[in-house]
Amino acid sequence: RKEGPEGHYVVDVTFPAAGGWAWRIAPEPFGPTDLGTLTVLPA
């Protein structure tokens, strides 16, 4: 969702399981930006 100055966005994310996750953000009409991998710890 749009929040703050021009170009700034905020997203609420809930990972359902622990483990490694490859994540990316796609700002259409541009291509996605890969953010690498993230390790999610157990609940």
ModelCIF file with pLDDT and N, C-alpha, C, O atoms, coordinates in Angstrom:
data_MODEL
#
_entry.id   MODEL 
#
_entity.id                         1 
_entity.type                       polymer 
_entity.pdbx_number_of_molecules   1 
#
_entity_poly.entity_id                      1 
_entity_poly.type                           'polypeptide(L)' 
_entity_poly.nstd_linkage                   no 
_entity_poly.nstd_monomer                   no 
_entity_poly.pdbx_seq_one_letter_code       RKEGPEGHYVVDVTFPAAGGWAWRIAPEPFGPTDLGTLTVLPA 
_entity_poly.pdbx_seq_one_letter_code_can   RKEGPEGHYVVDVTFPAAGGWAWRIAPEPFGPTDLGTLTVLPA 
_entity_poly.pdbx_strand_id                 A 
#
loop_
_entity_poly_seq.entity_id 
_entity_poly_seq.num 
_entity_poly_seq.mon_id 
_entity_poly_seq.hetero 
1 1  ARG n 
1 2  LYS n 
1 3  GLU n 
1 4  GLY n 
1 5  PRO n 
1 6  GLU n 
1 7  GLY n 
1 8  HIS n 
1 9  TYR n 
1 10 VAL n 
1 11 VAL n 
1 12 ASP n 
1 13 VAL n 
1 14 THR n 
1 15 PHE n 
1 16 PRO n 
1 17 ALA n 
1 18 ALA n 
1 19 GLY n 
1 20 GLY n 
1 21 TRP n 
1 22 ALA n 
1 23 TRP n 
1 24 ARG n 
1 25 ILE n 
1 26 ALA n 
1 27 PRO n 
1 28 GLU n 
1 29 PRO n 
1 30 PHE n 
1 31 GLY n 
1 32 PRO n 
1 33 THR n 
1 34 ASP n 
1 35 LEU n 
1 36 GLY n 
1 37 THR n 
1 38 LEU n 
1 39 THR n 
1 40 VAL n 
1 41 LEU n 
1 42 PRO n 
1 43 ALA n 
#
_struct_asym.id          A 
_struct_asym.entity_id   1 
#
loop_
_ma_qa_metric.id 
_ma_qa_metric.mode 
_ma_qa_metric.name 
_ma_qa_metric.software_group_id 
_ma_qa_metric.type 
1 global pLDDT . pLDDT 
2 local  pLDDT . pLDDT 
#
_ma_qa_metric_global.metric_id      1 
_ma_qa_metric_global.metric_value   94.81 
_ma_qa_metric_global.model_id       1 
_ma_qa_metric_global.ordinal_id     1 
#
loop_
_ma_qa_metric_local.label_asym_id 
_ma_qa_metric_local.label_comp_id 
_ma_qa_metric_local.label_seq_id 
_ma_qa_metric_local.metric_id 
_ma_qa_metric_local.metric_value 
_ma_qa_metric_local.model_id 
_ma_qa_metric_local.ordinal_id 
A ARG 1  2 96.00 1 1  
A LYS 2  2 96.00 1 2  
A GLU 3  2 96.00 1 3  
A GLY 4  2 95.00 1 4  
A PRO 5  2 96.00 1 5  
A GLU 6  2 95.00 1 6  
A GLY 7  2 95.00 1 7  
A HIS 8  2 97.00 1 8  
A TYR 9  2 97.00 1 9  
A VAL 10 2 97.00 1 10 
A VAL 11 2 97.00 1 11 
A ASP 12 2 97.00 1 12 
A VAL 13 2 97.00 1 13 
A THR 14 2 97.00 1 14 
A PHE 15 2 97.00 1 15 
A PRO 16 2 96.00 1 16 
A ALA 17 2 96.00 1 17 
A ALA 18 2 96.00 1 18 
A GLY 19 2 96.00 1 19 
A GLY 20 2 97.00 1 20 
A TRP 21 2 97.00 1 21 
A ALA 22 2 97.00 1 22 
A TRP 23 2 95.00 1 23 
A ARG 24 2 96.00 1 24 
A ILE 25 2 96.00 1 25 
A ALA 26 2 94.00 1 26 
A PRO 27 2 93.00 1 27 
A GLU 28 2 88.00 1 28 
A PRO 29 2 88.00 1 29 
A PHE 30 2 88.00 1 30 
A GLY 31 2 87.00 1 31 
A PRO 32 2 93.00 1 32 
A THR 33 2 93.00 1 33 
A ASP 34 2 94.00 1 34 
A LEU 35 2 94.00 1 35 
A GLY 36 2 94.00 1 36 
A THR 37 2 95.00 1 37 
A LEU 38 2 94.00 1 38 
A THR 39 2 95.00 1 39 
A VAL 40 2 97.00 1 40 
A LEU 41 2 96.00 1 41 
A PRO 42 2 95.00 1 42 
A ALA 43 2 92.00 1 43 
#
loop_
_atom_site.group_PDB 
_atom_site.id 
_atom_site.type_symbol 
_atom_site.label_atom_id 
_atom_site.label_alt_id 
_atom_site.label_comp_id 
_atom_site.label_asym_id 
_atom_site.label_entity_id 
_atom_site.label_seq_id 
_atom_site.pdbx_PDB_ins_code 
_atom_site.Cartn_x 
_atom_site.Cartn_y 
_atom_site.Cartn_z 
_atom_site.occupancy 
_atom_site.B_iso_or_equiv 
_atom_site.pdbx_formal_charge 
_atom_site.auth_seq_id 
_atom_site.auth_comp_id 
_atom_site.auth_asym_id 
_atom_site.auth_atom_id 
_atom_site.pdbx_PDB_model_num 
ATOM 1   N N  . ARG A 1 1  ? 0.859  -1.189  0.000   1.00 96.00 ? 1  ARG A N  1 
ATOM 2   C CA . ARG A 1 1  ? 0.000  0.000   0.000   1.00 96.00 ? 1  ARG A CA 1 
ATOM 3   C C  . ARG A 1 1  ? 0.892  1.236   0.000   1.00 96.00 ? 1  ARG A C  1 
ATOM 4   O O  . ARG A 1 1  ? 2.020  1.199   0.492   1.00 96.00 ? 1  ARG A O  1 
ATOM 5   N N  . LYS A 1 2  ? 0.391  2.300   -0.542  1.00 96.00 ? 2  LYS A N  1 
ATOM 6   C CA . LYS A 1 2  ? 1.125  3.566   -0.602  1.00 96.00 ? 2  LYS A CA 1 
ATOM 7   C C  . LYS A 1 2  ? 1.162  4.174   0.781   1.00 96.00 ? 2  LYS A C  1 
ATOM 8   O O  . LYS A 1 2  ? 0.134  4.260   1.452   1.00 96.00 ? 2  LYS A O  1 
ATOM 9   N N  . GLU A 1 3  ? 2.355  4.604   1.222   1.00 96.00 ? 3  GLU A N  1 
ATOM 10  C CA . GLU A 1 3  ? 2.491  5.253   2.522   1.00 96.00 ? 3  GLU A CA 1 
ATOM 11  C C  . GLU A 1 3  ? 3.738  6.125   2.510   1.00 96.00 ? 3  GLU A C  1 
ATOM 12  O O  . GLU A 1 3  ? 4.830  5.661   2.183   1.00 96.00 ? 3  GLU A O  1 
ATOM 13  N N  . GLY A 1 4  ? 3.567  7.373   2.864   1.00 95.00 ? 4  GLY A N  1 
ATOM 14  C CA . GLY A 1 4  ? 4.727  8.261   2.950   1.00 95.00 ? 4  GLY A CA 1 
ATOM 15  C C  . GLY A 1 4  ? 5.002  9.005   1.656   1.00 95.00 ? 4  GLY A C  1 
ATOM 16  O O  . GLY A 1 4  ? 4.089  9.242   0.865   1.00 95.00 ? 4  GLY A O  1 
ATOM 17  N N  . PRO A 1 5  ? 6.273  9.379   1.437   1.00 96.00 ? 5  PRO A N  1 
ATOM 18  C CA . PRO A 1 5  ? 6.625  10.215  0.286   1.00 96.00 ? 5  PRO A CA 1 
ATOM 19  C C  . PRO A 1 5  ? 6.471  9.462   -1.038  1.00 96.00 ? 5  PRO A C  1 
ATOM 20  O O  . PRO A 1 5  ? 6.199  8.262   -1.061  1.00 96.00 ? 5  PRO A O  1 
ATOM 21  N N  . GLU A 1 6  ? 6.645  10.175  -2.105  1.00 95.00 ? 6  GLU A N  1 
ATOM 22  C CA . GLU A 1 6  ? 6.531  9.587   -3.433  1.00 95.00 ? 6  GLU A CA 1 
ATOM 23  C C  . GLU A 1 6  ? 7.467  8.386   -3.558  1.00 95.00 ? 6  GLU A C  1 
ATOM 24  O O  . GLU A 1 6  ? 8.637  8.450   -3.181  1.00 95.00 ? 6  GLU A O  1 
ATOM 25  N N  . GLY A 1 7  ? 6.931  7.299   -4.091  1.00 95.00 ? 7  GLY A N  1 
ATOM 26  C CA . GLY A 1 7  ? 7.722  6.096   -4.311  1.00 95.00 ? 7  GLY A CA 1 
ATOM 27  C C  . GLY A 1 7  ? 7.820  5.166   -3.121  1.00 95.00 ? 7  GLY A C  1 
ATOM 28  O O  . GLY A 1 7  ? 8.416  4.094   -3.226  1.00 95.00 ? 7  GLY A O  1 
ATOM 29  N N  . HIS A 1 8  ? 7.247  5.553   -1.984  1.00 97.00 ? 8  HIS A N  1 
ATOM 30  C CA . HIS A 1 8  ? 7.365  4.719   -0.781  1.00 97.00 ? 8  HIS A CA 1 
ATOM 31  C C  . HIS A 1 8  ? 6.103  3.883   -0.574  1.00 97.00 ? 8  HIS A C  1 
ATOM 32  O O  . HIS A 1 8  ? 4.982  4.381   -0.678  1.00 97.00 ? 8  HIS A O  1 
ATOM 33  N N  . TYR A 1 9  ? 6.315  2.596   -0.279  1.00 97.00 ? 9  TYR A N  1 
ATOM 34  C CA . TYR A 1 9  ? 5.225  1.655   -0.070  1.00 97.00 ? 9  TYR A CA 1 
ATOM 35  C C  . TYR A 1 9  ? 5.499  0.836   1.191   1.00 97.00 ? 9  TYR A C  1 
ATOM 36  O O  . TYR A 1 9  ? 6.631  0.761   1.669   1.00 97.00 ? 9  TYR A O  1 
ATOM 37  N N  . VAL A 1 10 ? 4.439  0.227   1.716   1.00 97.00 ? 10 VAL A N  1 
ATOM 38  C CA . VAL A 1 10 ? 4.529  -0.629  2.902   1.00 97.00 ? 10 VAL A CA 1 
ATOM 39  C C  . VAL A 1 10 ? 3.733  -1.890  2.606   1.00 97.00 ? 10 VAL A C  1 
ATOM 40  O O  . VAL A 1 10 ? 2.674  -1.840  1.980   1.00 97.00 ? 10 VAL A O  1 
ATOM 41  N N  . VAL A 1 11 ? 4.262  -3.033  3.070   1.00 97.00 ? 11 VAL A N  1 
ATOM 42  C CA . VAL A 1 11 ? 3.570  -4.306  2.876   1.00 97.00 ? 11 VAL A CA 1 
ATOM 43  C C  . VAL A 1 11 ? 3.645  -5.116  4.164   1.00 97.00 ? 11 VAL A C  1 
ATOM 44  O O  . VAL A 1 11 ? 4.681  -5.160  4.828   1.00 97.00 ? 11 VAL A O  1 
ATOM 45  N N  . ASP A 1 12 ? 2.522  -5.759  4.509   1.00 97.00 ? 12 ASP A N  1 
ATOM 46  C CA . ASP A 1 12 ? 2.455  -6.647  5.676   1.00 97.00 ? 12 ASP A CA 1 
ATOM 47  C C  . ASP A 1 12 ? 2.594  -8.076  5.170   1.00 97.00 ? 12 ASP A C  1 
ATOM 48  O O  . ASP A 1 12 ? 1.822  -8.526  4.323   1.00 97.00 ? 12 ASP A O  1 
ATOM 49  N N  . VAL A 1 13 ? 3.597  -8.788  5.705   1.00 97.00 ? 13 VAL A N  1 
ATOM 50  C CA . VAL A 1 13 ? 3.919  -10.138 5.227   1.00 97.00 ? 13 VAL A CA 1 
ATOM 51  C C  . VAL A 1 13 ? 3.856  -11.125 6.389   1.00 97.00 ? 13 VAL A C  1 
ATOM 52  O O  . VAL A 1 13 ? 4.366  -10.854 7.476   1.00 97.00 ? 13 VAL A O  1 
ATOM 53  N N  . THR A 1 14 ? 3.223  -12.274 6.146   1.00 97.00 ? 14 THR A N  1 
ATOM 54  C CA . THR A 1 14 ? 3.194  -13.354 7.128   1.00 97.00 ? 14 THR A CA 1 
ATOM 55  C C  . THR A 1 14 ? 3.661  -14.628 6.433   1.00 97.00 ? 14 THR A C  1 
ATOM 56  O O  . THR A 1 14 ? 2.989  -15.135 5.535   1.00 97.00 ? 14 THR A O  1 
ATOM 57  N N  . PHE A 1 15 ? 4.810  -15.139 6.849   1.00 97.00 ? 15 PHE A N  1 
ATOM 58  C CA . PHE A 1 15 ? 5.327  -16.384 6.289   1.00 97.00 ? 15 PHE A CA 1 
ATOM 59  C C  . PHE A 1 15 ? 4.680  -17.549 7.042   1.00 97.00 ? 15 PHE A C  1 
ATOM 60  O O  . PHE A 1 15 ? 4.756  -17.598 8.269   1.00 97.00 ? 15 PHE A O  1 
ATOM 61  N N  . PRO A 1 16 ? 4.046  -18.485 6.336   1.00 96.00 ? 16 PRO A N  1 
ATOM 62  C CA . PRO A 1 16 ? 3.311  -19.550 7.014   1.00 96.00 ? 16 PRO A CA 1 
ATOM 63  C C  . PRO A 1 16 ? 4.183  -20.657 7.611   1.00 96.00 ? 16 PRO A C  1 
ATOM 64  O O  . PRO A 1 16 ? 3.724  -21.417 8.464   1.00 96.00 ? 16 PRO A O  1 
ATOM 65  N N  . ALA A 1 17 ? 5.440  -20.748 7.165   1.00 96.00 ? 17 ALA A N  1 
ATOM 66  C CA . ALA A 1 17 ? 6.278  -21.848 7.649   1.00 96.00 ? 17 ALA A CA 1 
ATOM 67  C C  . ALA A 1 17 ? 7.723  -21.389 7.775   1.00 96.00 ? 17 ALA A C  1 
ATOM 68  O O  . ALA A 1 17 ? 8.160  -20.456 7.102   1.00 96.00 ? 17 ALA A O  1 
ATOM 69  N N  . ALA A 1 18 ? 8.449  -22.067 8.651   1.00 96.00 ? 18 ALA A N  1 
ATOM 70  C CA . ALA A 1 18 ? 9.874  -21.787 8.820   1.00 96.00 ? 18 ALA A CA 1 
ATOM 71  C C  . ALA A 1 18 ? 10.638 -22.341 7.619   1.00 96.00 ? 18 ALA A C  1 
ATOM 72  O O  . ALA A 1 18 ? 10.145 -23.202 6.892   1.00 96.00 ? 18 ALA A O  1 
ATOM 73  N N  . GLY A 1 19 ? 11.850 -21.826 7.430   1.00 96.00 ? 19 GLY A N  1 
ATOM 74  C CA . GLY A 1 19 ? 12.698 -22.323 6.347   1.00 96.00 ? 19 GLY A CA 1 
ATOM 75  C C  . GLY A 1 19 ? 13.220 -21.186 5.498   1.00 96.00 ? 19 GLY A C  1 
ATOM 76  O O  . GLY A 1 19 ? 13.057 -20.012 5.831   1.00 96.00 ? 19 GLY A O  1 
ATOM 77  N N  . GLY A 1 20 ? 13.851 -21.552 4.397   1.00 97.00 ? 20 GLY A N  1 
ATOM 78  C CA . GLY A 1 20 ? 14.380 -20.560 3.463   1.00 97.00 ? 20 GLY A CA 1 
ATOM 79  C C  . GLY A 1 20 ? 13.329 -20.133 2.461   1.00 97.00 ? 20 GLY A C  1 
ATOM 80  O O  . GLY A 1 20 ? 12.593 -20.962 1.927   1.00 97.00 ? 20 GLY A O  1 
ATOM 81  N N  . TRP A 1 21 ? 13.261 -18.839 2.207   1.00 97.00 ? 21 TRP A N  1 
ATOM 82  C CA . TRP A 1 21 ? 12.297 -18.276 1.260   1.00 97.00 ? 21 TRP A CA 1 
ATOM 83  C C  . TRP A 1 21 ? 13.032 -17.355 0.297   1.00 97.00 ? 21 TRP A C  1 
ATOM 84  O O  . TRP A 1 21 ? 13.792 -16.488 0.728   1.00 97.00 ? 21 TRP A O  1 
ATOM 85  N N  . ALA A 1 22 ? 12.812 -17.534 -1.000  1.00 97.00 ? 22 ALA A N  1 
ATOM 86  C CA . ALA A 1 22 ? 13.305 -16.598 -2.012  1.00 97.00 ? 22 ALA A CA 1 
ATOM 87  C C  . ALA A 1 22 ? 12.215 -15.556 -2.180  1.00 97.00 ? 22 ALA A C  1 
ATOM 88  O O  . ALA A 1 22 ? 11.054 -15.899 -2.403  1.00 97.00 ? 22 ALA A O  1 
ATOM 89  N N  . TRP A 1 23 ? 12.581 -14.278 -2.073  1.00 95.00 ? 23 TRP A N  1 
ATOM 90  C CA . TRP A 1 23 ? 11.545 -13.254 -2.137  1.00 95.00 ? 23 TRP A CA 1 
ATOM 91  C C  . TRP A 1 23 ? 11.915 -12.161 -3.106  1.00 95.00 ? 23 TRP A C  1 
ATOM 92  O O  . TRP A 1 23 ? 13.086 -11.931 -3.405  1.00 95.00 ? 23 TRP A O  1 
ATOM 93  N N  . ARG A 1 24 ? 10.875 -11.487 -3.594  1.00 96.00 ? 24 ARG A N  1 
ATOM 94  C CA . ARG A 1 24 ? 11.047 -10.428 -4.587  1.00 96.00 ? 24 ARG A CA 1 
ATOM 95  C C  . ARG A 1 24 ? 9.872  -9.466  -4.508  1.00 96.00 ? 24 ARG A C  1 
ATOM 96  O O  . ARG A 1 24 ? 8.803  -9.801  -3.997  1.00 96.00 ? 24 ARG A O  1 
ATOM 97  N N  . ILE A 1 25 ? 10.097 -8.255  -5.030  1.00 96.00 ? 25 ILE A N  1 
ATOM 98  C CA . ILE A 1 25 ? 9.024  -7.258  -5.106  1.00 96.00 ? 25 ILE A CA 1 
ATOM 99  C C  . ILE A 1 25 ? 8.900  -6.838  -6.559  1.00 96.00 ? 25 ILE A C  1 
ATOM 100 O O  . ILE A 1 25 ? 9.889  -6.485  -7.201  1.00 96.00 ? 25 ILE A O  1 
ATOM 101 N N  . ALA A 1 26 ? 7.676  -6.879  -7.073  1.00 94.00 ? 26 ALA A N  1 
ATOM 102 C CA . ALA A 1 26 ? 7.402  -6.518  -8.462  1.00 94.00 ? 26 ALA A CA 1 
ATOM 103 C C  . ALA A 1 26 ? 6.574  -5.238  -8.505  1.00 94.00 ? 26 ALA A C  1 
ATOM 104 O O  . ALA A 1 26 ? 5.381  -5.261  -8.204  1.00 94.00 ? 26 ALA A O  1 
ATOM 105 N N  . PRO A 1 27 ? 7.205  -4.110  -8.881  1.00 93.00 ? 27 PRO A N  1 
ATOM 106 C CA . PRO A 1 27 ? 6.453  -2.863  -9.041  1.00 93.00 ? 27 PRO A CA 1 
ATOM 107 C C  . PRO A 1 27 ? 6.046  -2.683  -10.507 1.00 93.00 ? 27 PRO A C  1 
ATOM 108 O O  . PRO A 1 27 ? 6.799  -2.113  -11.296 1.00 93.00 ? 27 PRO A O  1 
ATOM 109 N N  . GLU A 1 28 ? 4.858  -3.168  -10.865 1.00 88.00 ? 28 GLU A N  1 
ATOM 110 C CA . GLU A 1 28 ? 4.399  -3.055  -12.259 1.00 88.00 ? 28 GLU A CA 1 
ATOM 111 C C  . GLU A 1 28 ? 4.351  -1.591  -12.674 1.00 88.00 ? 28 GLU A C  1 
ATOM 112 O O  . GLU A 1 28 ? 3.979  -0.760  -11.845 1.00 88.00 ? 28 GLU A O  1 
ATOM 113 N N  . PRO A 1 29 ? 4.692  -1.231  -13.866 1.00 88.00 ? 29 PRO A N  1 
ATOM 114 C CA . PRO A 1 29 ? 4.967  -2.051  -15.045 1.00 88.00 ? 29 PRO A CA 1 
ATOM 115 C C  . PRO A 1 29 ? 6.425  -2.484  -15.164 1.00 88.00 ? 29 PRO A C  1 
ATOM 116 O O  . PRO A 1 29 ? 6.823  -3.018  -16.199 1.00 88.00 ? 29 PRO A O  1 
ATOM 117 N N  . PHE A 1 30 ? 7.214  -2.267  -14.139 1.00 88.00 ? 30 PHE A N  1 
ATOM 118 C CA . PHE A 1 30 ? 8.620  -2.643  -14.190 1.00 88.00 ? 30 PHE A CA 1 
ATOM 119 C C  . PHE A 1 30 ? 8.782  -4.095  -13.780 1.00 88.00 ? 30 PHE A C  1 
ATOM 120 O O  . PHE A 1 30 ? 7.867  -4.694  -13.214 1.00 88.00 ? 30 PHE A O  1 
ATOM 121 N N  . GLY A 1 31 ? 9.926  -4.648  -14.060 1.00 87.00 ? 31 GLY A N  1 
ATOM 122 C CA . GLY A 1 31 ? 10.193 -6.027  -13.679 1.00 87.00 ? 31 GLY A CA 1 
ATOM 123 C C  . GLY A 1 31 ? 10.465 -6.142  -12.191 1.00 87.00 ? 31 GLY A C  1 
ATOM 124 O O  . GLY A 1 31 ? 10.682 -5.137  -11.515 1.00 87.00 ? 31 GLY A O  1 
ATOM 125 N N  . PRO A 1 32 ? 10.455 -7.368  -11.681 1.00 93.00 ? 32 PRO A N  1 
ATOM 126 C CA . PRO A 1 32 ? 10.662 -7.575  -10.245 1.00 93.00 ? 32 PRO A CA 1 
ATOM 127 C C  . PRO A 1 32 ? 12.110 -7.336  -9.825  1.00 93.00 ? 32 PRO A C  1 
ATOM 128 O O  . PRO A 1 32 ? 13.040 -7.461  -10.621 1.00 93.00 ? 32 PRO A O  1 
ATOM 129 N N  . THR A 1 33 ? 12.268 -6.991  -8.560  1.00 93.00 ? 33 THR A N  1 
ATOM 130 C CA . THR A 1 33 ? 13.592 -6.883  -7.942  1.00 93.00 ? 33 THR A CA 1 
ATOM 131 C C  . THR A 1 33 ? 13.724 -8.056  -6.991  1.00 93.00 ? 33 THR A C  1 
ATOM 132 O O  . THR A 1 33 ? 12.960 -8.182  -6.034  1.00 93.00 ? 33 THR A O  1 
ATOM 133 N N  . ASP A 1 34 ? 14.702 -8.917  -7.258  1.00 94.00 ? 34 ASP A N  1 
ATOM 134 C CA . ASP A 1 34 ? 14.949 -10.054 -6.368  1.00 94.00 ? 34 ASP A CA 1 
ATOM 135 C C  . ASP A 1 34 ? 15.632 -9.559  -5.107  1.00 94.00 ? 34 ASP A C  1 
ATOM 136 O O  . ASP A 1 34 ? 16.578 -8.774  -5.171  1.00 94.00 ? 34 ASP A O  1 
ATOM 137 N N  . LEU A 1 35 ? 15.148 -10.020 -3.958  1.00 94.00 ? 35 LEU A N  1 
ATOM 138 C CA . LEU A 1 35 ? 15.703 -9.608  -2.669  1.00 94.00 ? 35 LEU A CA 1 
ATOM 139 C C  . LEU A 1 35 ? 16.565 -10.697 -2.049  1.00 94.00 ? 35 LEU A C  1 
ATOM 140 O O  . LEU A 1 35 ? 17.009 -10.559 -0.909  1.00 94.00 ? 35 LEU A O  1 
ATOM 141 N N  . GLY A 1 36 ? 16.810 -11.781 -2.785  1.00 94.00 ? 36 GLY A N  1 
ATOM 142 C CA . GLY A 1 36 ? 17.649 -12.859 -2.278  1.00 94.00 ? 36 GLY A CA 1 
ATOM 143 C C  . GLY A 1 36 ? 16.826 -13.864 -1.502  1.00 94.00 ? 36 GLY A C  1 
ATOM 144 O O  . GLY A 1 36 ? 15.653 -14.089 -1.800  1.00 94.00 ? 36 GLY A O  1 
ATOM 145 N N  . THR A 1 37 ? 17.460 -14.472 -0.492  1.00 95.00 ? 37 THR A N  1 
ATOM 146 C CA . THR A 1 37 ? 16.749 -15.452 0.328   1.00 95.00 ? 37 THR A CA 1 
ATOM 147 C C  . THR A 1 37 ? 16.660 -14.949 1.759   1.00 95.00 ? 37 THR A C  1 
ATOM 148 O O  . THR A 1 37 ? 17.512 -14.196 2.231   1.00 95.00 ? 37 THR A O  1 
ATOM 149 N N  . LEU A 1 38 ? 15.624 -15.377 2.423   1.00 94.00 ? 38 LEU A N  1 
ATOM 150 C CA . LEU A 1 38 ? 15.354 -14.985 3.797   1.00 94.00 ? 38 LEU A CA 1 
ATOM 151 C C  . LEU A 1 38 ? 15.122 -16.247 4.607   1.00 94.00 ? 38 LEU A C  1 
ATOM 152 O O  . LEU A 1 38 ? 14.385 -17.136 4.179   1.00 94.00 ? 38 LEU A O  1 
ATOM 153 N N  . THR A 1 39 ? 15.745 -16.333 5.772   1.00 95.00 ? 39 THR A N  1 
ATOM 154 C CA . THR A 1 39 ? 15.527 -17.472 6.653   1.00 95.00 ? 39 THR A CA 1 
ATOM 155 C C  . THR A 1 39 ? 14.446 -17.111 7.661   1.00 95.00 ? 39 THR A C  1 
ATOM 156 O O  . THR A 1 39 ? 14.602 -16.185 8.456   1.00 95.00 ? 39 THR A O  1 
ATOM 157 N N  . VAL A 1 40 ? 13.355 -17.852 7.614   1.00 97.00 ? 40 VAL A N  1 
ATOM 158 C CA . VAL A 1 40 ? 12.236 -17.651 8.539   1.00 97.00 ? 40 VAL A CA 1 
ATOM 159 C C  . VAL A 1 40 ? 12.389 -18.661 9.665   1.00 97.00 ? 40 VAL A C  1 
ATOM 160 O O  . VAL A 1 40 ? 12.489 -19.865 9.429   1.00 97.00 ? 40 VAL A O  1 
ATOM 161 N N  . LEU A 1 41 ? 12.404 -18.153 10.889  1.00 96.00 ? 41 LEU A N  1 
ATOM 162 C CA . LEU A 1 41 ? 12.571 -18.994 12.074  1.00 96.00 ? 41 LEU A CA 1 
ATOM 163 C C  . LEU A 1 41 ? 11.247 -19.649 12.462  1.00 96.00 ? 41 LEU A C  1 
ATOM 164 O O  . LEU A 1 41 ? 10.181 -19.155 12.094  1.00 96.00 ? 41 LEU A O  1 
ATOM 165 N N  . PRO A 1 42 ? 11.307 -20.759 13.202  1.00 95.00 ? 42 PRO A N  1 
ATOM 166 C CA . PRO A 1 42 ? 10.060 -21.394 13.649  1.00 95.00 ? 42 PRO A CA 1 
ATOM 167 C C  . PRO A 1 42 ? 9.246  -20.449 14.533  1.00 95.00 ? 42 PRO A C  1 
ATOM 168 O O  . PRO A 1 42 ? 9.787  -19.538 15.159  1.00 95.00 ? 42 PRO A O  1 
ATOM 169 N N  . ALA A 1 43 ? 7.956  -20.684 14.568  1.00 92.00 ? 43 ALA A N  1 
ATOM 170 C CA . ALA A 1 43 ? 7.061  -19.877 15.403  1.00 92.00 ? 43 ALA A CA 1 
ATOM 171 C C  . ALA A 1 43 ? 7.440  -20.055 16.868  1.00 92.00 ? 43 ALA A C  1 
ATOM 172 O O  . ALA A 1 43 ? 6.811  -19.463 17.745  1.00 92.00 ? 43 ALA A O  1 
#
